[in-house]
C-alpha atoms as a PDB file:
ATOM      1  CA  MET A   1       0.000   0.000   0.000  1.00  0.00           C
ATOM      2  CA  ASP A   2       2.750   2.410   0.925  1.00  0.00           C
ATOM      3  CA  LYS A   3       4.548   1.663  -2.322  1.00  0.00           C
ATOM      4  CA  LYS A   4       1.450   2.517  -4.370  1.00  0.00           C
ATOM      5  CA  LEU A   5       1.049   5.794  -2.527  1.00  0.00           C
ATOM      6  CA  LEU A   6       4.648   6.681  -3.114  1.00  0.00           C
ATOM      7  CA  LEU A   7       4.377   5.853  -6.830  1.00  0.00           C
ATOM      8  CA  LEU A   8       1.232   7.933  -7.172  1.00  0.00           C
ATOM      9  CA  ALA A   9       2.836  10.858  -5.404  1.00  0.00           C
ATOM     10  CA  GLY A  10       5.846  10.658  -7.747  1.00  0.00           C
ATOM     11  CA  LEU A  11       3.637  10.716 -10.792  1.00  0.00           C
ATOM     12  CA  ILE A  12       1.758  13.757  -9.467  1.00  0.00           C
ATOM     13  CA  VAL A  13       5.025  15.623  -8.906  1.00  0.00           C
ATOM     14  CA  LEU A  14       6.274  14.675 -12.408  1.00  0.00           C
ATOM     15  CA  PHE A  15       3.142  15.883 -14.184  1.00  0.00           C
ATOM     16  CA  THR A  16       3.031  19.023 -12.086  1.00  0.00           C
ATOM     17  CA  GLY A  17       6.620  19.877 -13.137  1.00  0.00           C
ATOM     18  CA  CYS A  18       5.868  19.362 -16.840  1.00  0.00           C
ATOM     19  CA  GLY A  19       2.815  21.511 -16.591  1.00  0.00           C
ATOM     20  CA  GLY A  20       4.916  24.282 -15.091  1.00  0.00           C
ATOM     21  CA  GLN A  21       7.158  24.390 -18.167  1.00  0.00           C
ATOM     22  CA  GLY A  22       4.238  24.876 -20.576  1.00  0.00           C
ATOM     23  CA  PRO A  23       3.730  28.626 -20.102  1.00  0.00           C
ATOM     24  CA  ASP A  24       7.489  29.321 -20.509  1.00  0.00           C
ATOM     25  CA  LEU A  25       7.691  27.484 -23.823  1.00  0.00           C
ATOM     26  CA  LYS A  26       4.603  29.272 -25.102  1.00  0.00           C
ATOM     27  CA  GLU A  27       6.030  32.622 -24.020  1.00  0.00           C
ATOM     28  CA  ASP A  28       9.355  31.909 -25.833  1.00  0.00           C
ATOM     29  CA  ALA A  29       7.491  30.916 -29.006  1.00  0.00           C
ATOM     30  CA  ASP A  30       5.405  34.104 -28.916  1.00  0.00           C
ATOM     31  CA  LYS A  31       8.542  36.185 -28.316  1.00  0.00           C
ATOM     32  CA  ASN A  32      10.352  34.603 -31.313  1.00  0.00           C
ATOM     33  CA  LYS A  33       7.303  35.168 -33.515  1.00  0.00           C
ATOM     34  CA  THR A  34       7.151  38.814 -32.437  1.00  0.00           C
ATOM     35  CA  GLU A  35      10.854  39.313 -33.150  1.00  0.00           C
ATOM     36  CA  GLN A  36      10.431  37.747 -36.591  1.00  0.00           C
ATOM     37  CA  ASN A  37       7.515  40.053 -37.346  1.00  0.00           C
ATOM     38  CA  GLN A  38       9.561  43.053 -36.240  1.00  0.00           C
ATOM     39  CA  THR A  39      12.623  42.006 -38.270  1.00  0.00           C
ATOM     40  CA  THR A  40      10.830  41.193 -41.509  1.00  0.00           C
ATOM     41  CA  PRO A  41       9.634  44.734 -42.271  1.00  0.00           C
ATOM     42  CA  LYS A  42      13.165  46.062 -41.779  1.00  0.00           C
ATOM     43  CA  GLU A  43      14.510  43.577 -44.310  1.00  0.00           C
ATOM     44  CA  LEU A  44      11.733  44.494 -46.710  1.00  0.00           C
ATOM     45  CA  ASN A  45      12.437  48.185 -46.237  1.00  0.00           C
ATOM     46  CA  ALA A  46      16.101  47.619 -46.971  1.00  0.00           C
ATOM     47  CA  THR A  47      15.178  45.759 -50.123  1.00  0.00           C
ATOM     48  CA  ASN A  48      12.844  48.531 -51.179  1.00  0.00           C
ATOM     49  CA  VAL A  49      15.599  51.084 -50.731  1.00  0.00           C
ATOM     50  CA  ILE A  50      17.937  49.038 -52.895  1.00  0.00           C
ATOM     51  CA  VAL A  51      15.338  48.676 -55.604  1.00  0.00           C
ATOM     52  CA  LYS A  52      14.612  52.384 -55.499  1.00  0.00           C
ATOM     53  CA  GLN A  53      18.296  53.220 -55.860  1.00  0.00           C
ATOM     54  CA  ASP A  54      18.620  50.848 -58.816  1.00  0.00           C
ATOM     55  CA  ASN A  55      15.630  52.483 -60.485  1.00  0.00           C
ATOM     56  CA  ASN A  56      17.406  55.844 -60.311  1.00  0.00           C
ATOM     57  CA  LYS A  57      20.376  54.537 -62.287  1.00  0.00           C
ATOM     58  CA  PRO A  58      20.372  55.042 -66.105  1.00  0.00           C
ATOM     59  CA  ASP A  59      19.398  51.939 -67.971  1.00  0.00           C
ATOM     60  CA  GLU A  60      22.258  50.443 -70.028  1.00  0.00           C
ATOM     61  CA  ALA A  61      20.015  50.312 -73.082  1.00  0.00           C
ATOM     62  CA  ASP A  62      19.185  54.001 -72.648  1.00  0.00           C
ATOM     63  CA  LEU A  63      22.882  54.840 -72.371  1.00  0.00           C
ATOM     64  CA  ALA A  64      23.572  52.866 -75.525  1.00  0.00           C
ATOM     65  CA  ASP A  65      20.797  54.668 -77.384  1.00  0.00           C
ATOM     66  CA  THR A  66      22.115  58.028 -76.168  1.00  0.00           C
ATOM     67  CA  THR A  67      25.607  57.162 -77.366  1.00  0.00           C
ATOM     68  CA  ILE A  68      24.284  56.093 -80.762  1.00  0.00           C
ATOM     69  CA  ILE A  69      22.290  59.321 -81.099  1.00  0.00           C
ATOM     70  CA  LYS A  70      25.322  61.435 -80.150  1.00  0.00           C
ATOM     71  CA  VAL A  71      27.599  59.608 -82.580  1.00  0.00           C
ATOM     72  CA  THR A  72      24.985  59.979 -85.307  1.00  0.00           C
ATOM     73  CA  GLU A  73      24.626  63.716 -84.646  1.00  0.00           C
ATOM     74  CA  ASP A  74      28.407  64.178 -84.629  1.00  0.00           C
ATOM     75  CA  SER A  75      28.687  62.242 -87.879  1.00  0.00           C
ATOM     76  CA  MET A  76      25.956  64.364 -89.471  1.00  0.00           C
ATOM     77  CA  ASN A  77      27.659  67.570 -88.305  1.00  0.00           C
ATOM     78  CA  ASP A  78      31.008  66.392 -89.665  1.00  0.00           C
ATOM     79  CA  GLU A  79      29.353  65.386 -92.934  1.00  0.00           C
ATOM     80  CA  ASN A  80      27.592  68.737 -93.259  1.00  0.00           C
ATOM     81  CA  LEU A  81      30.815  70.588 -92.469  1.00  0.00           C
ATOM     82  CA  SER A  82      32.719  68.476 -94.977  1.00  0.00           C
ATOM     83  CA  GLN A  83      30.103  69.126 -97.670  1.00  0.00           C
ATOM     84  CA  GLU A  84      30.183  72.853 -96.932  1.00  0.00           C
ATOM     85  CA  GLU A  85      33.982  72.997 -97.131  1.00  0.00           C
ATOM     86  CA  GLU A  86      33.916  70.942-100.326  1.00  0.00           C
ATOM     87  CA  LYS A  87      31.440  73.368-101.879  1.00  0.00           C
ATOM     88  CA  ILE A  88      33.540  76.374-100.825  1.00  0.00           C
ATOM     89  CA  ASN A  89      36.700  74.787-102.222  1.00  0.00           C
ATOM     90  CA  GLN A  90      34.956  73.913-105.465  1.00  0.00           C
ATOM     91  CA  ASN A  91      33.789  77.496-105.915  1.00  0.00           C
ATOM     92  CA  LEU A  92      37.251  78.798-105.071  1.00  0.00           C
ATOM     93  CA  ALA A  93      38.907  76.414-107.527  1.00  0.00           C
ATOM     94  CA  GLU A  94      36.538  77.466-110.308  1.00  0.00           C
ATOM     95  CA  SER A  95      37.078  81.159-109.582  1.00  0.00           C
ATOM     96  CA  LEU A  96      40.857  80.794-109.523  1.00  0.00           C
ATOM     97  CA  SER A  97      40.869  78.918-112.818  1.00  0.00           C
ATOM     98  CA  LYS A  98      39.211  81.916-114.482  1.00  0.00           C
ATOM     99  CA  ASN A  99      41.944  84.291-113.317  1.00  0.00           C
ATOM    100  CA  VAL A 100      45.193  84.281-115.274  1.00  0.00           C
ATOM    101  CA  VAL A 101      48.002  86.830-114.973  1.00  0.00           C
ATOM    102  CA  HIS A 102      49.922  87.473-118.205  1.00  0.00           C
ATOM    103  CA  PHE A 103      53.435  88.822-118.693  1.00  0.00           C
ATOM    104  CA  ASP A 104      55.368  90.603-121.396  1.00  0.00           C
ATOM    105  CA  PHE A 105      57.998  88.844-123.456  1.00  0.00           C
ATOM    106  CA  ASP A 106      61.028  87.921-121.337  1.00  0.00           C
ATOM    107  CA  LYS A 107      59.608  89.819-118.320  1.00  0.00           C
ATOM    108  CA  TYR A 108      58.439  88.788-114.858  1.00  0.00           C
ATOM    109  CA  ASN A 109      57.146  92.082-113.438  1.00  0.00           C
ATOM    110  CA  ILE A 110      53.371  92.542-113.089  1.00  0.00           C
ATOM    111  CA  ARG A 111      51.913  94.724-115.817  1.00  0.00           C
ATOM    112  CA  ASN A 112      49.607  97.604-114.938  1.00  0.00           C
ATOM    113  CA  ASP A 113      46.701  96.029-116.793  1.00  0.00           C
ATOM    114  CA  GLN A 114      47.088  92.851-114.652  1.00  0.00           C
ATOM    115  CA  ILE A 115      47.000  94.519-111.213  1.00  0.00           C
ATOM    116  CA  GLU A 116      43.197  94.298-110.933  1.00  0.00           C
ATOM    117  CA  ILE A 117      43.352  90.558-111.619  1.00  0.00           C
ATOM    118  CA  VAL A 118      45.971  90.124-108.882  1.00  0.00           C
ATOM    119  CA  GLN A 119      43.797  92.041-106.413  1.00  0.00           C
ATOM    120  CA  ASN A 120      40.808  89.884-107.298  1.00  0.00           C
ATOM    121  CA  ILE A 121      42.816  86.727-106.671  1.00  0.00           C
ATOM    122  CA  ALA A 122      43.975  88.066-103.304  1.00  0.00           C
ATOM    123  CA  ASN A 123      40.373  88.757-102.268  1.00  0.00           C
ATOM    124  CA  LEU A 124      39.246  85.272-103.300  1.00  0.00           C
ATOM    125  CA  ILE A 125      41.931  83.642-101.205  1.00  0.00           C
ATOM    126  CA  LYS A 126      41.369  85.849 -98.149  1.00  0.00           C
ATOM    127  CA  ASP A 127      37.609  85.324 -98.204  1.00  0.00           C
ATOM    128  CA  ALA A 128      37.871  81.528 -98.484  1.00  0.00           C
ATOM    129  CA  LYS A 129      37.709  79.477 -95.278  1.00  0.00           C
ATOM    130  CA  GLY A 130      39.266  76.167 -94.377  1.00  0.00           C
ATOM    131  CA  ASN A 131      42.682  74.613 -94.810  1.00  0.00           C
ATOM    132  CA  PHE A 132      43.989  74.800 -98.353  1.00  0.00           C
ATOM    133  CA  THR A 133      46.992  75.846-100.405  1.00  0.00           C
ATOM    134  CA  ILE A 134      47.128  77.791-103.642  1.00  0.00           C
ATOM    135  CA  ARG A 135      49.796  76.746-106.111  1.00  0.00           C
ATOM    136  CA  ILE A 136      51.075  79.572-108.318  1.00  0.00           C
ATOM    137  CA  GLU A 137      52.269  78.101-111.613  1.00  0.00           C
ATOM    138  CA  GLY A 138      54.755  80.053-113.725  1.00  0.00           C
ATOM    139  CA  ASN A 139      54.719  79.453-117.494  1.00  0.00           C
ATOM    140  CA  CYS A 140      56.647  80.711-120.543  1.00  0.00           C
ATOM    141  CA  ASP A 141      56.444  80.752-124.318  1.00  0.00           C
ATOM    142  CA  GLU A 142      58.650  78.541-126.445  1.00  0.00           C
ATOM    143  CA  TRP A 143      61.435  81.111-126.921  1.00  0.00           C
ATOM    144  CA  GLY A 144      64.644  80.392-125.059  1.00  0.00           C
ATOM    145  CA  SER A 145      66.187  77.213-123.658  1.00  0.00           C
ATOM    146  CA  ASP A 146      64.386  74.874-121.278  1.00  0.00           C
ATOM    147  CA  GLU A 147      66.624  75.959-118.401  1.00  0.00           C
ATOM    148  CA  TYR A 148      66.096  79.643-119.097  1.00  0.00           C
ATOM    149  CA  ASN A 149      62.340  79.297-119.383  1.00  0.00           C
ATOM    150  CA  TYR A 150      62.161  77.241-116.189  1.00  0.00           C
ATOM    151  CA  ALA A 151      64.014  79.993-114.312  1.00  0.00           C
ATOM    152  CA  LEU A 152      61.843  82.697-115.888  1.00  0.00           C
ATOM    153  CA  GLY A 153      58.646  80.845-114.954  1.00  0.00           C
ATOM    154  CA  LEU A 154      59.896  80.547-111.367  1.00  0.00           C
ATOM    155  CA  LYS A 155      60.578  84.296-111.201  1.00  0.00           C
ATOM    156  CA  ARG A 156      57.072  85.022-112.454  1.00  0.00           C
ATOM    157  CA  ALA A 157      55.562  82.765-109.769  1.00  0.00           C
ATOM    158  CA  LYS A 158      57.731  84.339-107.043  1.00  0.00           C
ATOM    159  CA  THR A 159      56.767  87.854-108.122  1.00  0.00           C
ATOM    160  CA  LEU A 160      53.086  87.058-107.957  1.00  0.00           C
ATOM    161  CA  LYS A 161      53.408  85.281-104.604  1.00  0.00           C
ATOM    162  CA  GLN A 162      55.015  88.357-103.087  1.00  0.00           C
ATOM    163  CA  ALA A 163      52.339  90.601-104.587  1.00  0.00           C
ATOM    164  CA  LEU A 164      49.606  88.493-102.974  1.00  0.00           C
ATOM    165  CA  ILE A 165      51.376  88.564 -99.624  1.00  0.00           C
ATOM    166  CA  ASP A 166      51.627  92.352 -99.870  1.00  0.00           C
ATOM    167  CA  LEU A 167      47.847  92.388-100.404  1.00  0.00           C
ATOM    168  CA  GLY A 168      47.261  90.480 -97.157  1.00  0.00           C
ATOM    169  CA  VAL A 169      47.261  86.828 -98.231  1.00  0.00           C
ATOM    170  CA  ASP A 170      48.718  84.364 -95.722  1.00  0.00           C
ATOM    171  CA  ALA A 171      52.105  83.222 -97.056  1.00  0.00           C
ATOM    172  CA  ASN A 172      51.457  79.720 -95.658  1.00  0.00           C
ATOM    173  CA  LYS A 173      48.604  79.320 -98.129  1.00  0.00           C
ATOM    174  CA  LEU A 174      50.844  79.896-101.139  1.00  0.00           C
ATOM    175  CA  THR A 175      53.316  77.681-102.930  1.00  0.00           C
ATOM    176  CA  ILE A 176      55.045  78.101-106.298  1.00  0.00           C
ATOM    177  CA  ILE A 177      56.178  75.989-109.223  1.00  0.00           C
ATOM    178  CA  SER A 178      57.566  76.586-112.710  1.00  0.00           C
ATOM    179  CA  TYR A 179      56.567  74.614-115.785  1.00  0.00           C
ATOM    180  CA  GLY A 180      58.761  76.637-118.104  1.00  0.00           C
ATOM    181  CA  GLU A 181      57.526  76.102-121.664  1.00  0.00           C
ATOM    182  CA  SER A 182      56.242  72.561-121.024  1.00  0.00           C
ATOM    183  CA  ASN A 183      52.625  73.491-120.239  1.00  0.00           C
ATOM    184  CA  PRO A 184      51.322  75.687-123.092  1.00  0.00           C
ATOM    185  CA  VAL A 185      47.649  76.585-123.508  1.00  0.00           C
ATOM    186  CA  CYS A 186      48.218  77.396-127.174  1.00  0.00           C
ATOM    187  CA  ASN A 187      50.422  75.473-129.602  1.00  0.00           C
ATOM    188  CA  ALA A 188      50.362  77.746-132.635  1.00  0.00           C
ATOM    189  CA  HIS A 189      53.629  79.458-133.527  1.00  0.00           C
ATOM    190  CA  ASN A 190      52.587  83.108-133.583  1.00  0.00           C
ATOM    191  CA  LYS A 191      52.696  86.194-131.382  1.00  0.00           C
ATOM    192  CA  ASN A 192      49.122  85.857-130.181  1.00  0.00           C
ATOM    193  CA  CYS A 193      49.698  82.299-129.026  1.00  0.00           C
ATOM    194  CA  TRP A 194      53.040  83.095-127.386  1.00  0.00           C
ATOM    195  CA  ALA A 195      51.396  85.919-125.418  1.00  0.00           C
ATOM    196  CA  LYS A 196      48.835  83.471-124.016  1.00  0.00           C
ATOM    197  CA  ASN A 197      51.575  81.114-122.824  1.00  0.00           C
ATOM    198  CA  ARG A 198      53.464  83.817-120.876  1.00  0.00           C
ATOM    199  CA  ARG A 199      51.320  83.535-117.751  1.00  0.00           C
ATOM    200  CA  ASP A 200      50.744  82.503-114.144  1.00  0.00           C
ATOM    201  CA  ASN A 201      47.947  80.037-113.369  1.00  0.00           C
ATOM    202  CA  PHE A 202      46.471  79.148-109.965  1.00  0.00           C
ATOM    203  CA  THR A 203      45.535  75.705-108.686  1.00  0.00           C
ATOM    204  CA  LEU A 204      43.764  74.889-105.424  1.00  0.00           C
ATOM    205  CA  LEU A 205      45.439  72.149-103.426  1.00  0.00           C
ATOM    206  CA  PRO A 206      43.661  70.261-100.589  1.00  0.00           C
END
């Protein structure tokens, strides 16, 4: 009998102890759940901030499109500028080809009746824009030796170059050459033809 009472009392104590732990476990579970609920919004907020920052960054595709547009605009501007310069140079070349300075027989000084032509050439060169060079080409008639005519053609080109510089043309835009008698515009053997060959021509160089 005493043994049964003792066993019963032990069981009562055991169950009473387990029942005492129940509220503590429940309280810990509620506390963990509360902490999780409090932590989750913070993590979500952090994520939202990151997403918002990423949305403020330029899209790579947009950057690529912007670059393409800029390159296209630059190319169009360069093309337009190139076309404009080409048109200016073409007009200058045509105008220069119409201006020829003639010289007297065996002379390289500029005649009075050629001064207006020289002034016109100077104005054409000064008004033109862009990078270019004007080649002054000295020419002679068929009288005299090749060496003599080459030297005479060079003197005619030098004289005209200096005249243009005196009229305000940039010396860096001018270069000279002599063709002597090798580049005639008239091949007849008479005074009229020889007079045409004693000249300075002008060629536009890129």
